[in-house]
Amino acid sequence: MSALPDETLRKILVQIQQTAVQSQRSLNLTKQQCAAKERERRIVQLTITEISSVGRDTNLYKGVGKMFIMVPQKTMEQELRAQEKELTDEINSLNKKSKYLEKQFNDAQARLKDI
């Protein structure tokens, strides 16, 4: 059946199981991080929408530590759009990582089935 000794097979099996468990943990963590970034991006989008709907003469304040600083509306919108772009890039990166980890987990599962 198999030309490998039992001890070698056992080591290979343990290694594949560890890879599968590690991949599953990393995948779950990545999905949680992605969901958190999605929520954060949605909040930024809603804030941009609200800021766009108020008049140009409305004072906007940005929290800095324990105080607030008045910021021009255009500057606030630019900062929020930059933050939104950064979050979108991070989400895309996390999605790529998630796909890789899912593939790695599926490969480990397939190898376990083969053994």
PDB file of N, CA and C in Angstrom:
ATOM      1  N   MET A   1       0.829  -1.186   0.000  1.00  0.00           N
ATOM      2  CA  MET A   1       0.000   0.000   0.000  1.00  0.00           C
ATOM      3  C   MET A   1       0.872   1.247   0.000  1.00  0.00           C
ATOM      4  N   SER A   2       1.569   1.491   1.067  1.00  0.00           N
ATOM      5  CA  SER A   2       2.402   2.670   1.192  1.00  0.00           C
ATOM      6  C   SER A   2       3.828   2.240   1.514  1.00  0.00           C
ATOM      7  N   ALA A   3       4.791   2.876   0.879  1.00  0.00           N
ATOM      8  CA  ALA A   3       6.183   2.509   1.085  1.00  0.00           C
ATOM      9  C   ALA A   3       6.802   3.261   2.260  1.00  0.00           C
ATOM     10  N   LEU A   4       6.076   4.236   2.821  1.00  0.00           N
ATOM     11  CA  LEU A   4       6.591   5.032   3.929  1.00  0.00           C
ATOM     12  C   LEU A   4       6.326   4.336   5.267  1.00  0.00           C
ATOM     13  N   PRO A   5       7.256   4.411   6.192  1.00  0.00           N
ATOM     14  CA  PRO A   5       7.025   3.825   7.516  1.00  0.00           C
ATOM     15  C   PRO A   5       5.929   4.595   8.266  1.00  0.00           C
ATOM     16  N   ASP A   6       5.354   3.935   9.268  1.00  0.00           N
ATOM     17  CA  ASP A   6       4.248   4.536  10.027  1.00  0.00           C
ATOM     18  C   ASP A   6       4.651   5.847  10.698  1.00  0.00           C
ATOM     19  N   GLU A   7       5.851   5.913  11.227  1.00  0.00           N
ATOM     20  CA  GLU A   7       6.308   7.124  11.926  1.00  0.00           C
ATOM     21  C   GLU A   7       6.383   8.315  10.973  1.00  0.00           C
ATOM     22  N   THR A   8       6.869   8.074   9.776  1.00  0.00           N
ATOM     23  CA  THR A   8       6.958   9.140   8.776  1.00  0.00           C
ATOM     24  C   THR A   8       5.569   9.610   8.367  1.00  0.00           C
ATOM     25  N   LEU A   9       4.661   8.650   8.173  1.00  0.00           N
ATOM     26  CA  LEU A   9       3.283   9.003   7.835  1.00  0.00           C
ATOM     27  C   LEU A   9       2.636   9.827   8.938  1.00  0.00           C
ATOM     28  N   ARG A  10       2.899   9.451  10.170  1.00  0.00           N
ATOM     29  CA  ARG A  10       2.331  10.160  11.312  1.00  0.00           C
ATOM     30  C   ARG A  10       2.852  11.605  11.359  1.00  0.00           C
ATOM     31  N   LYS A  11       4.158  11.784  11.090  1.00  0.00           N
ATOM     32  CA  LYS A  11       4.738  13.128  11.089  1.00  0.00           C
ATOM     33  C   LYS A  11       4.136  13.987   9.985  1.00  0.00           C
ATOM     34  N   ILE A  12       3.978  13.386   8.819  1.00  0.00           N
ATOM     35  CA  ILE A  12       3.384  14.108   7.694  1.00  0.00           C
ATOM     36  C   ILE A  12       1.942  14.484   8.021  1.00  0.00           C
ATOM     37  N   LEU A  13       1.201  13.555   8.583  1.00  0.00           N
ATOM     38  CA  LEU A  13      -0.191  13.801   8.950  1.00  0.00           C
ATOM     39  C   LEU A  13      -0.302  14.935   9.972  1.00  0.00           C
ATOM     40  N   VAL A  14       0.540  14.912  10.983  1.00  0.00           N
ATOM     41  CA  VAL A  14       0.528  15.963  12.009  1.00  0.00           C
ATOM     42  C   VAL A  14       0.862  17.315  11.397  1.00  0.00           C
ATOM     43  N   GLN A  15       1.845  17.327  10.496  1.00  0.00           N
ATOM     44  CA  GLN A  15       2.236  18.577   9.855  1.00  0.00           C
ATOM     45  C   GLN A  15       1.087  19.137   9.006  1.00  0.00           C
ATOM     46  N   ILE A  16       0.419  18.284   8.263  1.00  0.00           N
ATOM     47  CA  ILE A  16      -0.700  18.725   7.429  1.00  0.00           C
ATOM     48  C   ILE A  16      -1.846  19.224   8.306  1.00  0.00           C
ATOM     49  N   GLN A  17      -2.120  18.525   9.415  1.00  0.00           N
ATOM     50  CA  GLN A  17      -3.176  18.963  10.326  1.00  0.00           C
ATOM     51  C   GLN A  17      -2.846  20.322  10.928  1.00  0.00           C
ATOM     52  N   GLN A  18      -1.592  20.521  11.307  1.00  0.00           N
ATOM     53  CA  GLN A  18      -1.186  21.809  11.866  1.00  0.00           C
ATOM     54  C   GLN A  18      -1.337  22.926  10.832  1.00  0.00           C
ATOM     55  N   THR A  19      -0.979  22.632   9.603  1.00  0.00           N
ATOM     56  CA  THR A  19      -1.144  23.616   8.532  1.00  0.00           C
ATOM     57  C   THR A  19      -2.616  23.969   8.353  1.00  0.00           C
ATOM     58  N   ALA A  20      -3.472  22.963   8.367  1.00  0.00           N
ATOM     59  CA  ALA A  20      -4.909  23.196   8.198  1.00  0.00           C
ATOM     60  C   ALA A  20      -5.469  24.030   9.351  1.00  0.00           C
ATOM     61  N   VAL A  21      -5.087  23.703  10.569  1.00  0.00           N
ATOM     62  CA  VAL A  21      -5.590  24.445  11.743  1.00  0.00           C
ATOM     63  C   VAL A  21      -5.089  25.890  11.705  1.00  0.00           C
ATOM     64  N   GLN A  22      -3.809  26.071  11.401  1.00  0.00           N
ATOM     65  CA  GLN A  22      -3.238  27.420  11.342  1.00  0.00           C
ATOM     66  C   GLN A  22      -3.904  28.239  10.235  1.00  0.00           C
ATOM     67  N   SER A  23      -4.139  27.613   9.101  1.00  0.00           N
ATOM     68  CA  SER A  23      -4.793  28.308   7.993  1.00  0.00           C
ATOM     69  C   SER A  23      -6.219  28.711   8.378  1.00  0.00           C
ATOM     70  N   GLN A  24      -6.926  27.827   9.050  1.00  0.00           N
ATOM     71  CA  GLN A  24      -8.298  28.117   9.467  1.00  0.00           C
ATOM     72  C   GLN A  24      -8.329  29.274  10.467  1.00  0.00           C
ATOM     73  N   ARG A  25      -7.413  29.272  11.414  1.00  0.00           N
ATOM     74  CA  ARG A  25      -7.354  30.363  12.401  1.00  0.00           C
ATOM     75  C   ARG A  25      -7.041  31.686  11.719  1.00  0.00           C
ATOM     76  N   SER A  26      -6.052  31.672  10.845  1.00  0.00           N
ATOM     77  CA  SER A  26      -5.670  32.891  10.130  1.00  0.00           C
ATOM     78  C   SER A  26      -6.810  33.381   9.244  1.00  0.00           C
ATOM     79  N   LEU A  27      -7.520  32.455   8.629  1.00  0.00           N
ATOM     80  CA  LEU A  27      -8.649  32.810   7.777  1.00  0.00           C
ATOM     81  C   LEU A  27      -9.746  33.486   8.594  1.00  0.00           C
ATOM     82  N   ASN A  28     -10.066  32.923   9.754  1.00  0.00           N
ATOM     83  CA  ASN A  28     -11.091  33.531  10.608  1.00  0.00           C
ATOM     84  C   ASN A  28     -10.674  34.924  11.075  1.00  0.00           C
ATOM     85  N   LEU A  29      -9.421  35.080  11.448  1.00  0.00           N
ATOM     86  CA  LEU A  29      -8.913  36.375  11.890  1.00  0.00           C
ATOM     87  C   LEU A  29      -8.976  37.393  10.750  1.00  0.00           C
ATOM     88  N   THR A  30      -8.597  36.970   9.573  1.00  0.00           N
ATOM     89  CA  THR A  30      -8.618  37.850   8.408  1.00  0.00           C
ATOM     90  C   THR A  30     -10.039  38.283   8.083  1.00  0.00           C
ATOM     91  N   LYS A  31     -10.983  37.363   8.173  1.00  0.00           N
ATOM     92  CA  LYS A  31     -12.388  37.713   7.905  1.00  0.00           C
ATOM     93  C   LYS A  31     -12.910  38.705   8.939  1.00  0.00           C
ATOM     94  N   GLN A  32     -12.519  38.540  10.196  1.00  0.00           N
ATOM     95  CA  GLN A  32     -12.934  39.487  11.232  1.00  0.00           C
ATOM     96  C   GLN A  32     -12.344  40.876  10.977  1.00  0.00           C
ATOM     97  N   GLN A  33     -11.071  40.919  10.597  1.00  0.00           N
ATOM     98  CA  GLN A  33     -10.430  42.194  10.296  1.00  0.00           C
ATOM     99  C   GLN A  33     -11.102  42.865   9.105  1.00  0.00           C
ATOM    100  N   CYS A  34     -11.453  42.073   8.111  1.00  0.00           N
ATOM    101  CA  CYS A  34     -12.116  42.605   6.919  1.00  0.00           C
ATOM    102  C   CYS A  34     -13.484  43.185   7.280  1.00  0.00           C
ATOM    103  N   ALA A  35     -14.228  42.483   8.123  1.00  0.00           N
ATOM    104  CA  ALA A  35     -15.539  42.972   8.544  1.00  0.00           C
ATOM    105  C   ALA A  35     -15.406  44.282   9.324  1.00  0.00           C
ATOM    106  N   ALA A  36     -14.388  44.374  10.179  1.00  0.00           N
ATOM    107  CA  ALA A  36     -14.163  45.603  10.949  1.00  0.00           C
ATOM    108  C   ALA A  36     -13.817  46.764  10.015  1.00  0.00           C
ATOM    109  N   LYS A  37     -12.981  46.512   9.023  1.00  0.00           N
ATOM    110  CA  LYS A  37     -12.610  47.560   8.065  1.00  0.00           C
ATOM    111  C   LYS A  37     -13.817  47.987   7.237  1.00  0.00           C
ATOM    112  N   GLU A  38     -14.679  47.026   6.884  1.00  0.00           N
ATOM    113  CA  GLU A  38     -15.905  47.346   6.135  1.00  0.00           C
ATOM    114  C   GLU A  38     -16.805  48.272   6.951  1.00  0.00           C
ATOM    115  N   ARG A  39     -16.968  47.959   8.240  1.00  0.00           N
ATOM    116  CA  ARG A  39     -17.784  48.818   9.103  1.00  0.00           C
ATOM    117  C   ARG A  39     -17.184  50.219   9.186  1.00  0.00           C
ATOM    118  N   GLU A  40     -15.883  50.283   9.356  1.00  0.00           N
ATOM    119  CA  GLU A  40     -15.204  51.574   9.458  1.00  0.00           C
ATOM    120  C   GLU A  40     -15.359  52.374   8.166  1.00  0.00           C
ATOM    121  N   ARG A  41     -15.220  51.688   7.024  1.00  0.00           N
ATOM    122  CA  ARG A  41     -15.383  52.367   5.738  1.00  0.00           C
ATOM    123  C   ARG A  41     -16.796  52.883   5.558  1.00  0.00           C
ATOM    124  N   ARG A  42     -17.764  52.096   5.989  1.00  0.00           N
ATOM    125  CA  ARG A  42     -19.170  52.517   5.877  1.00  0.00           C
ATOM    126  C   ARG A  42     -19.431  53.763   6.718  1.00  0.00           C
ATOM    127  N   ILE A  43     -18.834  53.819   7.904  1.00  0.00           N
ATOM    128  CA  ILE A  43     -18.983  55.001   8.758  1.00  0.00           C
ATOM    129  C   ILE A  43     -18.377  56.224   8.080  1.00  0.00           C
ATOM    130  N   VAL A  44     -17.212  56.060   7.465  1.00  0.00           N
ATOM    131  CA  VAL A  44     -16.566  57.168   6.756  1.00  0.00           C
ATOM    132  C   VAL A  44     -17.432  57.622   5.586  1.00  0.00           C
ATOM    133  N   GLN A  45     -18.008  56.672   4.850  1.00  0.00           N
ATOM    134  CA  GLN A  45     -18.882  57.025   3.728  1.00  0.00           C
ATOM    135  C   GLN A  45     -20.104  57.808   4.205  1.00  0.00           C
ATOM    136  N   LEU A  46     -20.691  57.368   5.304  1.00  0.00           N
ATOM    137  CA  LEU A  46     -21.849  58.087   5.851  1.00  0.00           C
ATOM    138  C   LEU A  46     -21.460  59.484   6.309  1.00  0.00           C
ATOM    139  N   THR A  47     -20.290  59.614   6.890  1.00  0.00           N
ATOM    140  CA  THR A  47     -19.818  60.927   7.334  1.00  0.00           C
ATOM    141  C   THR A  47     -19.605  61.848   6.139  1.00  0.00           C
ATOM    142  N   ILE A  48     -19.033  61.321   5.068  1.00  0.00           N
ATOM    143  CA  ILE A  48     -18.838  62.118   3.851  1.00  0.00           C
ATOM    144  C   ILE A  48     -20.187  62.583   3.310  1.00  0.00           C
ATOM    145  N   THR A  49     -21.156  61.688   3.294  1.00  0.00           N
ATOM    146  CA  THR A  49     -22.496  62.032   2.812  1.00  0.00           C
ATOM    147  C   THR A  49     -23.112  63.136   3.658  1.00  0.00           C
ATOM    148  N   GLU A  50     -22.983  63.020   4.968  1.00  0.00           N
ATOM    149  CA  GLU A  50     -23.548  64.036   5.861  1.00  0.00           C
ATOM    150  C   GLU A  50     -22.843  65.377   5.687  1.00  0.00           C
ATOM    151  N   ILE A  51     -21.529  65.350   5.567  1.00  0.00           N
ATOM    152  CA  ILE A  51     -20.784  66.599   5.400  1.00  0.00           C
ATOM    153  C   ILE A  51     -21.153  67.266   4.078  1.00  0.00           C
ATOM    154  N   SER A  52     -21.351  66.475   3.040  1.00  0.00           N
ATOM    155  CA  SER A  52     -21.714  67.018   1.728  1.00  0.00           C
ATOM    156  C   SER A  52     -23.099  67.644   1.742  1.00  0.00           C
ATOM    157  N   SER A  53     -23.971  67.139   2.620  1.00  0.00           N
ATOM    158  CA  SER A  53     -25.349  67.631   2.637  1.00  0.00           C
ATOM    159  C   SER A  53     -25.506  68.936   3.417  1.00  0.00           C
ATOM    160  N   VAL A  54     -24.563  69.269   4.293  1.00  0.00           N
ATOM    161  CA  VAL A  54     -24.681  70.525   5.044  1.00  0.00           C
ATOM    162  C   VAL A  54     -24.183  71.678   4.191  1.00  0.00           C
ATOM    163  N   GLY A  55     -24.578  72.876   4.540  1.00  0.00           N
ATOM    164  CA  GLY A  55     -24.183  74.059   3.780  1.00  0.00           C
ATOM    165  C   GLY A  55     -22.702  74.349   3.894  1.00  0.00           C
ATOM    166  N   ARG A  56     -22.187  75.105   2.932  1.00  0.00           N
ATOM    167  CA  ARG A  56     -20.769  75.431   2.907  1.00  0.00           C
ATOM    168  C   ARG A  56     -20.366  76.349   4.072  1.00  0.00           C
ATOM    169  N   ASP A  57     -21.312  77.083   4.632  1.00  0.00           N
ATOM    170  CA  ASP A  57     -20.985  78.025   5.704  1.00  0.00           C
ATOM    171  C   ASP A  57     -21.038  77.380   7.098  1.00  0.00           C
ATOM    172  N   THR A  58     -21.307  76.076   7.157  1.00  0.00           N
ATOM    173  CA  THR A  58     -21.388  75.368   8.438  1.00  0.00           C
ATOM    174  C   THR A  58     -19.976  75.091   8.960  1.00  0.00           C
ATOM    175  N   ASN A  59     -19.796  75.369  10.251  1.00  0.00           N
ATOM    176  CA  ASN A  59     -18.505  75.083  10.870  1.00  0.00           C
ATOM    177  C   ASN A  59     -18.379  73.592  11.154  1.00  0.00           C
ATOM    178  N   LEU A  60     -17.234  73.017  10.810  1.00  0.00           N
ATOM    179  CA  LEU A  60     -16.947  71.611  11.079  1.00  0.00           C
ATOM    180  C   LEU A  60     -15.776  71.534  12.043  1.00  0.00           C
ATOM    181  N   TYR A  61     -15.859  70.601  12.967  1.00  0.00           N
ATOM    182  CA  TYR A  61     -14.812  70.455  13.968  1.00  0.00           C
ATOM    183  C   TYR A  61     -14.287  69.030  13.962  1.00  0.00           C
ATOM    184  N   LYS A  62     -12.982  68.934  14.142  1.00  0.00           N
ATOM    185  CA  LYS A  62     -12.318  67.637  14.153  1.00  0.00           C
ATOM    186  C   LYS A  62     -11.748  67.417  15.546  1.00  0.00           C
ATOM    187  N   GLY A  63     -11.995  66.220  16.096  1.00  0.00           N
ATOM    188  CA  GLY A  63     -11.487  65.906  17.423  1.00  0.00           C
ATOM    189  C   GLY A  63     -10.001  65.627  17.387  1.00  0.00           C
ATOM    190  N   VAL A  64      -9.274  66.308  18.258  1.00  0.00           N
ATOM    191  CA  VAL A  64      -7.829  66.104  18.380  1.00  0.00           C
ATOM    192  C   VAL A  64      -7.537  65.960  19.868  1.00  0.00           C
ATOM    193  N   GLY A  65      -7.337  64.725  20.297  1.00  0.00           N
ATOM    194  CA  GLY A  65      -7.100  64.497  21.728  1.00  0.00           C
ATOM    195  C   GLY A  65      -8.329  64.860  22.529  1.00  0.00           C
ATOM    196  N   LYS A  66      -8.178  65.821  23.455  1.00  0.00           N
ATOM    197  CA  LYS A  66      -9.298  66.239  24.298  1.00  0.00           C
ATOM    198  C   LYS A  66      -9.939  67.538  23.812  1.00  0.00           C
ATOM    199  N   MET A  67      -9.565  67.985  22.620  1.00  0.00           N
ATOM    200  CA  MET A  67     -10.136  69.235  22.127  1.00  0.00           C
ATOM    201  C   MET A  67     -10.592  69.072  20.684  1.00  0.00           C
ATOM    202  N   PHE A  68     -11.260  70.099  20.189  1.00  0.00           N
ATOM    203  CA  PHE A  68     -11.763  70.106  18.825  1.00  0.00           C
ATOM    204  C   PHE A  68     -11.174  71.299  18.087  1.00  0.00           C
ATOM    205  N   ILE A  69     -10.834  71.062  16.827  1.00  0.00           N
ATOM    206  CA  ILE A  69     -10.262  72.114  15.997  1.00  0.00           C
ATOM    207  C   ILE A  69     -11.193  72.334  14.801  1.00  0.00           C
ATOM    208  N   MET A  70     -11.473  73.606  14.513  1.00  0.00           N
ATOM    209  CA  MET A  70     -12.319  73.916  13.364  1.00  0.00           C
ATOM    210  C   MET A  70     -11.535  73.633  12.083  1.00  0.00           C
ATOM    211  N   VAL A  71     -12.188  72.913  11.160  1.00  0.00           N
ATOM    212  CA  VAL A  71     -11.552  72.512   9.912  1.00  0.00           C
ATOM    213  C   VAL A  71     -12.461  72.927   8.761  1.00  0.00           C
ATOM    214  N   PRO A  72     -11.890  73.488   7.686  1.00  0.00           N
ATOM    215  CA  PRO A  72     -12.726  73.817   6.522  1.00  0.00           C
ATOM    216  C   PRO A  72     -13.371  72.544   5.946  1.00  0.00           C
ATOM    217  N   GLN A  73     -14.560  72.709   5.399  1.00  0.00           N
ATOM    218  CA  GLN A  73     -15.308  71.559   4.884  1.00  0.00           C
ATOM    219  C   GLN A  73     -14.536  70.824   3.794  1.00  0.00           C
ATOM    220  N   LYS A  74     -13.889  71.551   2.910  1.00  0.00           N
ATOM    221  CA  LYS A  74     -13.150  70.930   1.821  1.00  0.00           C
ATOM    222  C   LYS A  74     -12.009  70.057   2.366  1.00  0.00           C
ATOM    223  N   THR A  75     -11.312  70.572   3.361  1.00  0.00           N
ATOM    224  CA  THR A  75     -10.219  69.819   3.974  1.00  0.00           C
ATOM    225  C   THR A  75     -10.736  68.553   4.637  1.00  0.00           C
ATOM    226  N   MET A  76     -11.850  68.668   5.340  1.00  0.00           N
ATOM    227  CA  MET A  76     -12.449  67.522   6.026  1.00  0.00           C
ATOM    228  C   MET A  76     -12.854  66.450   5.010  1.00  0.00           C
ATOM    229  N   GLU A  77     -13.465  66.876   3.916  1.00  0.00           N
ATOM    230  CA  GLU A  77     -13.870  65.921   2.880  1.00  0.00           C
ATOM    231  C   GLU A  77     -12.661  65.229   2.261  1.00  0.00           C
ATOM    232  N   GLN A  78     -11.587  65.975   2.014  1.00  0.00           N
ATOM    233  CA  GLN A  78     -10.380  65.388   1.438  1.00  0.00           C
ATOM    234  C   GLN A  78      -9.780  64.353   2.379  1.00  0.00           C
ATOM    235  N   GLU A  79      -9.729  64.673   3.666  1.00  0.00           N
ATOM    236  CA  GLU A  79      -9.192  63.733   4.647  1.00  0.00           C
ATOM    237  C   GLU A  79     -10.031  62.459   4.710  1.00  0.00           C
ATOM    238  N   LEU A  80     -11.352  62.639   4.702  1.00  0.00           N
ATOM    239  CA  LEU A  80     -12.240  61.475   4.777  1.00  0.00           C
ATOM    240  C   LEU A  80     -12.156  60.622   3.517  1.00  0.00           C
ATOM    241  N   ARG A  81     -12.042  61.257   2.367  1.00  0.00           N
ATOM    242  CA  ARG A  81     -11.909  60.490   1.110  1.00  0.00           C
ATOM    243  C   ARG A  81     -10.585  59.723   1.082  1.00  0.00           C
ATOM    244  N   ALA A  82      -9.529  60.341   1.595  1.00  0.00           N
ATOM    245  CA  ALA A  82      -8.237  59.650   1.670  1.00  0.00           C
ATOM    246  C   ALA A  82      -8.332  58.459   2.624  1.00  0.00           C
ATOM    247  N   GLN A  83      -9.021  58.663   3.732  1.00  0.00           N
ATOM    248  CA  GLN A  83      -9.217  57.572   4.702  1.00  0.00           C
ATOM    249  C   GLN A  83     -10.047  56.455   4.079  1.00  0.00           C
ATOM    250  N   GLU A  84     -11.072  56.822   3.315  1.00  0.00           N
ATOM    251  CA  GLU A  84     -11.912  55.824   2.644  1.00  0.00           C
ATOM    252  C   GLU A  84     -11.098  55.021   1.631  1.00  0.00           C
ATOM    253  N   LYS A  85     -10.239  55.707   0.866  1.00  0.00           N
ATOM    254  CA  LYS A  85      -9.400  55.023  -0.118  1.00  0.00           C
ATOM    255  C   LYS A  85      -8.440  54.058   0.581  1.00  0.00           C
ATOM    256  N   GLU A  86      -7.860  54.509   1.675  1.00  0.00           N
ATOM    257  CA  GLU A  86      -6.939  53.664   2.433  1.00  0.00           C
ATOM    258  C   GLU A  86      -7.655  52.421   2.966  1.00  0.00           C
ATOM    259  N   LEU A  87      -8.855  52.600   3.489  1.00  0.00           N
ATOM    260  CA  LEU A  87      -9.628  51.464   4.000  1.00  0.00           C
ATOM    261  C   LEU A  87      -9.995  50.497   2.875  1.00  0.00           C
ATOM    262  N   THR A  88     -10.347  51.035   1.718  1.00  0.00           N
ATOM    263  CA  THR A  88     -10.679  50.192   0.572  1.00  0.00           C
ATOM    264  C   THR A  88      -9.474  49.356   0.147  1.00  0.00           C
ATOM    265  N   ASP A  89      -8.300  49.989   0.134  1.00  0.00           N
ATOM    266  CA  ASP A  89      -7.073  49.254  -0.216  1.00  0.00           C
ATOM    267  C   ASP A  89      -6.799  48.149   0.803  1.00  0.00           C
ATOM    268  N   GLU A  90      -6.980  48.464   2.084  1.00  0.00           N
ATOM    269  CA  GLU A  90      -6.756  47.463   3.131  1.00  0.00           C
ATOM    270  C   GLU A  90      -7.745  46.307   3.002  1.00  0.00           C
ATOM    271  N   ILE A  91      -9.000  46.618   2.672  1.00  0.00           N
ATOM    272  CA  ILE A  91     -10.016  45.582   2.507  1.00  0.00           C
ATOM    273  C   ILE A  91      -9.654  44.679   1.328  1.00  0.00           C
ATOM    274  N   ASN A  92      -9.206  45.284   0.228  1.00  0.00           N
ATOM    275  CA  ASN A  92      -8.796  44.486  -0.934  1.00  0.00           C
ATOM    276  C   ASN A  92      -7.625  43.577  -0.591  1.00  0.00           C
ATOM    277  N   SER A  93      -6.680  44.107   0.156  1.00  0.00           N
ATOM    278  CA  SER A  93      -5.530  43.317   0.579  1.00  0.00           C
ATOM    279  C   SER A  93      -5.969  42.155   1.469  1.00  0.00           C
ATOM    280  N   LEU A  94      -6.873  42.427   2.405  1.00  0.00           N
ATOM    281  CA  LEU A  94      -7.369  41.374   3.298  1.00  0.00           C
ATOM    282  C   LEU A  94      -8.158  40.317   2.528  1.00  0.00           C
ATOM    283  N   ASN A  95      -8.896  40.739   1.505  1.00  0.00           N
ATOM    284  CA  ASN A  95      -9.635  39.777   0.687  1.00  0.00           C
ATOM    285  C   ASN A  95      -8.678  38.862  -0.078  1.00  0.00           C
ATOM    286  N   LYS A  96      -7.591  39.419  -0.588  1.00  0.00           N
ATOM    287  CA  LYS A  96      -6.590  38.595  -1.283  1.00  0.00           C
ATOM    288  C   LYS A  96      -5.959  37.602  -0.307  1.00  0.00           C
ATOM    289  N   LYS A  97      -5.642  38.089   0.876  1.00  0.00           N
ATOM    290  CA  LYS A  97      -5.051  37.222   1.894  1.00  0.00           C
ATOM    291  C   LYS A  97      -6.026  36.121   2.282  1.00  0.00           C
ATOM    292  N   SER A  98      -7.299  36.482   2.381  1.00  0.00           N
ATOM    293  CA  SER A  98      -8.340  35.519   2.737  1.00  0.00           C
ATOM    294  C   SER A  98      -8.457  34.429   1.672  1.00  0.00           C
ATOM    295  N   LYS A  99      -8.414  34.818   0.413  1.00  0.00           N
ATOM    296  CA  LYS A  99      -8.491  33.834  -0.677  1.00  0.00           C
ATOM    297  C   LYS A  99      -7.295  32.884  -0.633  1.00  0.00           C
ATOM    298  N   TYR A 100      -6.106  33.440  -0.374  1.00  0.00           N
ATOM    299  CA  TYR A 100      -4.899  32.612  -0.283  1.00  0.00           C
ATOM    300  C   TYR A 100      -5.017  31.619   0.873  1.00  0.00           C
ATOM    301  N   LEU A 101      -5.453  32.110   2.031  1.00  0.00           N
ATOM    302  CA  LEU A 101      -5.578  31.234   3.201  1.00  0.00           C
ATOM    303  C   LEU A 101      -6.647  30.164   2.988  1.00  0.00           C
ATOM    304  N   GLU A 102      -7.724  30.533   2.317  1.00  0.00           N
ATOM    305  CA  GLU A 102      -8.781  29.565   2.026  1.00  0.00           C
ATOM    306  C   GLU A 102      -8.253  28.473   1.093  1.00  0.00           C
ATOM    307  N   LYS A 103      -7.463  28.880   0.100  1.00  0.00           N
ATOM    308  CA  LYS A 103      -6.866  27.903  -0.820  1.00  0.00           C
ATOM    309  C   LYS A 103      -5.898  26.990  -0.066  1.00  0.00           C
ATOM    310  N   GLN A 104      -5.104  27.584   0.818  1.00  0.00           N
ATOM    311  CA  GLN A 104      -4.150  26.809   1.612  1.00  0.00           C
ATOM    312  C   GLN A 104      -4.886  25.805   2.507  1.00  0.00           C
ATOM    313  N   PHE A 105      -5.984  26.241   3.112  1.00  0.00           N
ATOM    314  CA  PHE A 105      -6.775  25.353   3.961  1.00  0.00           C
ATOM    315  C   PHE A 105      -7.386  24.231   3.139  1.00  0.00           C
ATOM    316  N   ASN A 106      -7.939  24.553   1.992  1.00  0.00           N
ATOM    317  CA  ASN A 106      -8.538  23.530   1.126  1.00  0.00           C
ATOM    318  C   ASN A 106      -7.496  22.529   0.630  1.00  0.00           C
ATOM    319  N   ASP A 107      -6.298  23.027   0.323  1.00  0.00           N
ATOM    320  CA  ASP A 107      -5.220  22.123  -0.093  1.00  0.00           C
ATOM    321  C   ASP A 107      -4.841  21.167   1.035  1.00  0.00           C
ATOM    322  N   ALA A 108      -4.760  21.701   2.249  1.00  0.00           N
ATOM    323  CA  ALA A 108      -4.423  20.856   3.398  1.00  0.00           C
ATOM    324  C   ALA A 108      -5.515  19.805   3.639  1.00  0.00           C
ATOM    325  N   GLN A 109      -6.758  20.209   3.494  1.00  0.00           N
ATOM    326  CA  GLN A 109      -7.881  19.280   3.660  1.00  0.00           C
ATOM    327  C   GLN A 109      -7.813  18.188   2.593  1.00  0.00           C
ATOM    328  N   ALA A 110      -7.496  18.574   1.371  1.00  0.00           N
ATOM    329  CA  ALA A 110      -7.401  17.601   0.274  1.00  0.00           C
ATOM    330  C   ALA A 110      -6.264  16.607   0.533  1.00  0.00           C
ATOM    331  N   ARG A 111      -5.125  17.104   1.034  1.00  0.00           N
ATOM    332  CA  ARG A 111      -4.009  16.211   1.352  1.00  0.00           C
ATOM    333  C   ARG A 111      -4.367  15.260   2.480  1.00  0.00           C
ATOM    334  N   LEU A 112      -5.127  15.752   3.455  1.00  0.00           N
ATOM    335  CA  LEU A 112      -5.567  14.864   4.550  1.00  0.00           C
ATOM    336  C   LEU A 112      -6.468  13.759   4.014  1.00  0.00           C
ATOM    337  N   LYS A 113      -7.331  14.092   3.079  1.00  0.00           N
ATOM    338  CA  LYS A 113      -8.225  13.092   2.497  1.00  0.00           C
ATOM    339  C   LYS A 113      -7.437  12.064   1.676  1.00  0.00           C
ATOM    340  N   ASP A 114      -6.381  12.556   1.014  1.00  0.00           N
ATOM    341  CA  ASP A 114      -5.556  11.654   0.205  1.00  0.00           C
ATOM    342  C   ASP A 114      -4.844  10.622   1.086  1.00  0.00           C
ATOM    343  N   ILE A 115      -4.432  11.045   2.256  1.00  0.00           N
ATOM    344  CA  ILE A 115      -3.718  10.125   3.161  1.00  0.00           C
ATOM    345  C   ILE A 115      -4.733   9.213   3.802  1.00  0.00           C
TER     346      ILE A 115
END
